[in-house]
Amino acid sequence: MSKARENLKTARRIVIKVGTSTLAHAESGKLNLYRIEHLIREIADLHNAGKEIIFVSSGAIAAGMNKLGIKIKPQTIPENQALAAIGQGVLMHIYEKFFAEYGQTIGQVLLTGNNATDEHARENSRNSLRAILDMGAIPVVNENDAVAVDEIKIGDNDNLSAIVAAMVGAEVLIILSDIDGLYTANPLVDKSARLIDEVPTIDAEIERIAGGAGTKLGTGGMFTKIQAAKFATSNGVTMLIINGALNGNLRRTLSGENIGTIFPKR
């Protein structure tokens, strides 16, 4: 077991990011309630074990589309903002229900790029997140897509989760993906592709093999995860990419098992 994975066992403050591809069924685009409930139960149990968890969730636009019966994601900013506003309420209702069933209290935090770039706004955001943690609750974070425009958008929740992890001084950031981690090539088209266990340095070759967009419902592909890893590791946060569709993966990862791809902090 590598030193970076050994250190996961004692990590206390952890950011967990879940993407739309994990929250929604690929075929229908509707929310995968089975997966959501099992994920929340696992997060609740980690919290019961004494971990401080910050939960960064995508999926607001997909939830809004599901609520209104829209099959194809709109192209205009106002339509996507409207869907985000509708879907954010849907997501929080589901999260509140499931977290409450497992005895947990959550608090919603919506951020924009201004919260990351403006010193005063960043300090206020940090204080708010830490206050929620101090109260024994779990912050549920998303970008404020309902009002954000290009000038203040972070753009994807992979990078948002890295910003949040650095902001709160988290030890670990875990990004839940729809594949097992970073491969040497796209495993869907190259059968010889192998999973990369550890990436000590993010160089041009790593960025090259991570190229490509995300799913039709999401905004981020592997490249945004590599961007997030560069930011996280340079700010003292160890990051992992693991498969979010497998029950128990979070617990096994934080027990030091060889799951996914790890990017050790610098």
Protein backbone atom coordinates (compact mmCIF):
# COMPACT_ATOMS: atom_id res chain seq x y z
CA MET A 1 0.00 0.00 0.00
CA SER A 2 1.39 3.39 -0.99
CA LYS A 3 1.92 6.13 1.58
CA ALA A 4 -0.81 8.23 -0.04
CA ARG A 5 -3.34 5.42 0.32
CA GLU A 6 -2.22 4.67 3.87
CA ASN A 7 -2.94 8.29 4.79
CA LEU A 8 -6.54 7.92 3.61
CA LYS A 9 -7.28 5.83 6.70
CA THR A 10 -6.80 8.79 9.02
CA ALA A 11 -8.32 11.52 6.84
CA ARG A 12 -11.02 13.42 8.74
CA ARG A 13 -12.26 16.20 6.43
CA ILE A 14 -13.33 14.80 3.06
CA VAL A 15 -15.01 16.33 0.02
CA ILE A 16 -17.09 13.91 -2.04
CA LYS A 17 -18.23 14.99 -5.50
CA VAL A 18 -20.93 13.12 -7.41
CA GLY A 19 -21.62 13.75 -11.08
CA THR A 20 -24.78 13.59 -13.12
CA SER A 21 -23.66 10.32 -14.70
CA THR A 22 -23.82 8.68 -11.26
CA LEU A 23 -27.09 10.30 -10.20
CA ALA A 24 -29.11 9.59 -13.37
CA HIS A 25 -29.90 6.56 -15.49
CA ALA A 26 -27.97 6.79 -18.75
CA GLU A 27 -30.84 5.48 -20.88
CA SER A 28 -33.73 7.58 -19.58
CA GLY A 29 -31.94 10.49 -17.93
CA LYS A 30 -34.18 10.07 -14.89
CA LEU A 31 -32.75 10.06 -11.38
CA ASN A 32 -31.33 6.76 -10.17
CA LEU A 33 -32.95 6.63 -6.73
CA TYR A 34 -31.38 3.26 -5.87
CA ARG A 35 -27.88 4.63 -6.45
CA ILE A 36 -28.63 7.92 -4.68
CA GLU A 37 -29.97 6.19 -1.57
CA HIS A 38 -27.02 3.81 -1.32
CA LEU A 39 -24.57 6.67 -1.79
CA ILE A 40 -26.24 8.76 0.91
CA ARG A 41 -26.32 5.81 3.30
CA GLU A 42 -22.59 5.33 2.81
CA ILE A 43 -21.88 9.03 3.34
CA ALA A 44 -24.07 9.03 6.45
CA ASP A 45 -22.14 6.07 7.85
CA LEU A 46 -18.81 7.79 7.20
CA HIS A 47 -20.18 10.82 9.06
CA ASN A 48 -21.22 8.56 11.94
CA ALA A 49 -17.65 7.23 12.02
CA GLY A 50 -16.39 10.74 12.77
CA LYS A 51 -15.58 12.01 9.28
CA GLU A 52 -16.42 15.58 8.29
CA ILE A 53 -18.08 15.33 4.88
CA ILE A 54 -18.72 18.05 2.31
CA PHE A 55 -20.96 16.73 -0.47
CA VAL A 56 -20.61 18.44 -3.86
CA SER A 57 -23.49 17.42 -6.11
CA SER A 58 -24.18 17.91 -9.79
CA GLY A 59 -27.47 16.95 -11.35
CA ALA A 60 -29.69 20.02 -10.92
CA ILE A 61 -30.31 20.52 -14.64
CA ALA A 62 -30.90 16.79 -15.20
CA ALA A 63 -33.36 16.77 -12.27
CA GLY A 64 -35.15 19.77 -13.76
CA MET A 65 -35.39 18.06 -17.14
CA ASN A 66 -36.77 14.98 -15.44
CA LYS A 67 -39.35 17.02 -13.53
CA LEU A 68 -40.63 18.72 -16.69
CA GLY A 69 -40.36 15.70 -18.96
CA ILE A 70 -37.72 17.31 -21.21
CA LYS A 71 -35.63 14.75 -23.10
CA ILE A 72 -32.99 16.94 -24.78
CA LYS A 73 -30.89 19.44 -22.86
CA PRO A 74 -31.66 23.02 -24.05
CA GLN A 75 -28.93 25.13 -25.62
CA THR A 76 -29.82 28.56 -24.24
CA ILE A 77 -28.52 29.93 -20.94
CA PRO A 78 -31.93 31.10 -19.61
CA GLU A 79 -33.51 27.68 -20.23
CA ASN A 80 -30.67 25.88 -18.45
CA GLN A 81 -30.81 28.37 -15.59
CA ALA A 82 -34.54 27.73 -15.24
CA LEU A 83 -34.01 23.98 -15.25
CA ALA A 84 -31.28 24.34 -12.62
CA ALA A 85 -33.61 26.37 -10.40
CA ILE A 86 -36.34 23.74 -10.69
CA GLY A 87 -33.99 20.78 -10.39
CA GLN A 88 -32.06 22.10 -7.40
CA GLY A 89 -35.26 21.99 -5.35
CA VAL A 90 -35.98 18.46 -6.55
CA LEU A 91 -32.47 17.29 -5.61
CA MET A 92 -32.53 18.90 -2.18
CA HIS A 93 -35.93 17.34 -1.43
CA ILE A 94 -34.52 13.90 -2.25
CA TYR A 95 -31.31 14.51 -0.31
CA GLU A 96 -33.19 15.86 2.71
CA LYS A 97 -35.44 12.79 2.73
CA PHE A 98 -32.67 10.21 2.44
CA PHE A 99 -30.18 11.93 4.76
CA ALA A 100 -32.90 12.39 7.39
CA GLU A 101 -33.73 8.68 7.22
CA TYR A 102 -30.15 8.00 8.29
CA GLY A 103 -30.17 10.63 11.03
CA GLN A 104 -28.19 13.33 9.23
CA THR A 105 -28.77 17.06 8.86
CA ILE A 106 -27.75 18.84 5.67
CA GLY A 107 -27.30 22.47 4.64
CA GLN A 108 -27.40 23.77 1.08
CA VAL A 109 -24.57 26.00 -0.17
CA LEU A 110 -24.69 27.49 -3.68
CA LEU A 111 -21.48 29.06 -4.99
CA THR A 112 -20.27 30.93 -8.07
CA GLY A 113 -16.82 31.74 -9.38
CA ASN A 114 -16.89 34.95 -7.38
CA ASN A 115 -16.76 32.86 -4.20
CA ALA A 116 -13.46 31.44 -5.39
CA THR A 117 -11.79 34.53 -6.83
CA ASP A 118 -12.88 37.37 -4.55
CA GLU A 119 -10.99 37.29 -1.26
CA HIS A 120 -13.88 38.61 0.85
CA ALA A 121 -16.42 36.27 -0.76
CA ARG A 122 -14.05 33.32 -0.42
CA GLU A 123 -13.56 33.99 3.29
CA ASN A 124 -17.32 34.24 3.84
CA SER A 125 -17.85 30.96 1.98
CA ARG A 126 -15.14 29.25 4.00
CA ASN A 127 -16.63 30.46 7.27
CA SER A 128 -20.11 29.31 6.27
CA LEU A 129 -18.95 25.83 5.28
CA ARG A 130 -16.89 25.42 8.43
CA ALA A 131 -19.80 26.61 10.59
CA ILE A 132 -22.05 23.95 9.04
CA LEU A 133 -19.40 21.32 9.77
CA ASP A 134 -18.97 22.59 13.35
CA MET A 135 -22.72 22.17 13.85
CA GLY A 136 -22.39 18.50 12.92
CA ALA A 137 -24.20 18.88 9.60
CA ILE A 138 -23.22 17.98 6.05
CA PRO A 139 -22.89 20.84 3.52
CA VAL A 140 -24.41 20.02 0.14
CA VAL A 141 -22.67 22.23 -2.42
CA ASN A 142 -23.48 23.06 -6.02
CA GLU A 143 -22.75 25.90 -8.39
CA ASN A 144 -25.53 28.49 -8.42
CA ASP A 145 -26.45 27.72 -12.02
CA ALA A 146 -29.80 29.48 -11.74
CA VAL A 147 -28.12 32.91 -11.73
CA ALA A 148 -24.52 32.34 -12.80
CA VAL A 149 -23.38 33.69 -16.17
CA ASP A 150 -20.12 33.03 -18.00
CA GLU A 151 -18.29 35.83 -16.24
CA ILE A 152 -18.84 34.28 -12.80
CA LYS A 153 -19.25 30.59 -13.62
CA ILE A 154 -16.81 27.97 -12.43
CA GLY A 155 -18.17 25.81 -15.22
CA ASP A 156 -18.15 22.29 -13.83
CA ASN A 157 -18.40 20.63 -10.45
CA ASP A 158 -15.10 18.78 -10.76
CA ASN A 159 -13.26 22.08 -10.47
CA LEU A 160 -15.82 23.38 -7.97
CA SER A 161 -15.13 20.41 -5.70
CA ALA A 162 -11.37 21.08 -5.87
CA ILE A 163 -11.95 24.74 -5.00
CA VAL A 164 -14.16 23.76 -2.07
CA ALA A 165 -11.63 21.18 -0.84
CA ALA A 166 -8.86 23.78 -0.83
CA MET A 167 -11.16 26.38 0.70
CA VAL A 168 -12.07 24.27 3.75
CA GLY A 169 -8.66 22.64 4.18
CA ALA A 170 -9.88 19.14 3.34
CA GLU A 171 -7.37 16.31 3.35
CA VAL A 172 -9.05 14.30 0.61
CA LEU A 173 -11.24 14.93 -2.43
CA ILE A 174 -13.04 11.92 -3.92
CA ILE A 175 -14.64 12.35 -7.34
CA LEU A 176 -17.25 9.71 -8.15
CA SER A 177 -17.20 8.92 -11.86
CA ASP A 178 -18.91 6.49 -14.23
CA ILE A 179 -15.66 4.58 -14.78
CA ASP A 180 -13.10 3.09 -12.41
CA GLY A 181 -10.53 5.89 -12.72
CA LEU A 182 -7.99 7.25 -15.19
CA TYR A 183 -6.96 4.79 -17.90
CA THR A 184 -4.02 4.82 -20.27
CA ALA A 185 -6.59 5.19 -23.08
CA ASN A 186 -10.34 5.26 -23.47
CA PRO A 187 -11.41 1.79 -22.23
CA LEU A 188 -14.62 1.97 -24.27
CA VAL A 189 -12.69 1.93 -27.54
CA ASP A 190 -9.28 0.49 -26.60
CA LYS A 191 -9.40 -2.98 -25.03
CA SER A 192 -5.72 -2.76 -24.08
CA ALA A 193 -6.32 0.29 -21.87
CA ARG A 194 -5.25 -0.22 -18.26
CA LEU A 195 -6.24 1.59 -15.10
CA ILE A 196 -3.59 3.93 -13.69
CA ASP A 197 -3.33 3.30 -9.95
CA GLU A 198 -1.40 6.44 -8.97
CA VAL A 199 -0.44 9.69 -10.69
CA PRO A 200 2.39 11.33 -8.74
CA THR A 201 2.82 14.11 -11.31
CA ILE A 202 0.32 15.51 -13.81
CA ASP A 203 2.33 16.03 -16.98
CA ALA A 204 1.48 16.61 -20.63
CA GLU A 205 1.02 12.88 -21.27
CA ILE A 206 -1.55 12.57 -18.47
CA GLU A 207 -3.42 15.56 -19.86
CA ARG A 208 -3.34 14.04 -23.35
CA ILE A 209 -4.84 10.71 -22.38
CA ALA A 210 -7.51 12.48 -20.31
CA GLY A 211 -8.88 14.41 -23.29
CA GLY A 212 -12.58 14.19 -24.11
CA ALA A 213 -15.99 15.44 -23.01
CA GLY A 214 -18.46 14.02 -20.56
CA THR A 215 -21.88 12.43 -21.04
CA LYS A 216 -24.85 14.01 -22.80
CA LEU A 217 -26.28 15.00 -19.39
CA GLY A 218 -23.10 16.14 -17.66
CA THR A 219 -20.65 18.96 -18.29
CA GLY A 220 -17.34 17.39 -17.34
CA GLY A 221 -15.21 14.61 -18.77
CA MET A 222 -11.91 13.17 -17.58
CA PHE A 223 -10.03 16.31 -18.62
CA THR A 224 -11.92 18.47 -16.10
CA LYS A 225 -11.06 15.91 -13.44
CA ILE A 226 -7.38 16.27 -14.27
CA GLN A 227 -7.75 20.06 -14.02
CA ALA A 228 -9.35 19.55 -10.62
CA ALA A 229 -6.52 17.22 -9.57
CA LYS A 230 -3.89 19.84 -10.51
CA PHE A 231 -5.63 22.45 -8.38
CA ALA A 232 -6.35 20.12 -5.46
CA THR A 233 -2.91 18.57 -5.18
CA SER A 234 -1.16 21.94 -5.47
CA ASN A 235 -3.27 23.09 -2.51
CA GLY A 236 -2.37 20.16 -0.27
CA VAL A 237 -5.38 17.94 -1.05
CA THR A 238 -5.06 14.33 -2.15
CA MET A 239 -7.59 13.53 -4.89
CA LEU A 240 -9.07 10.27 -6.14
CA ILE A 241 -11.26 9.27 -9.06
CA ILE A 242 -13.32 6.17 -8.31
CA ASN A 243 -16.37 4.42 -9.73
CA GLY A 244 -19.51 5.91 -8.18
CA ALA A 245 -21.79 3.09 -9.28
CA LEU A 246 -20.35 0.47 -6.92
CA ASN A 247 -21.77 0.18 -3.41
CA GLY A 248 -19.08 0.32 -0.72
CA ASN A 249 -16.46 1.99 -2.90
CA LEU A 250 -16.19 5.06 -0.64
CA ARG A 251 -15.66 3.01 2.51
CA ARG A 252 -13.18 0.70 0.81
CA THR A 253 -11.25 3.64 -0.65
CA LEU A 254 -10.96 5.37 2.72
CA SER A 255 -9.81 2.07 4.24
CA GLY A 256 -6.77 2.26 1.98
CA GLU A 257 -7.83 -0.34 -0.59
CA ASN A 258 -6.46 -0.04 -4.09
CA ILE A 259 -9.54 1.58 -5.63
CA GLY A 260 -9.53 3.97 -8.60
CA THR A 261 -6.77 6.46 -9.36
CA ILE A 262 -5.07 8.49 -6.64
CA PHE A 263 -3.36 11.86 -7.12
CA PRO A 264 -1.21 12.45 -3.99
CA LYS A 265 -0.99 15.95 -2.61
CA ARG A 266 2.21 17.84 -3.39
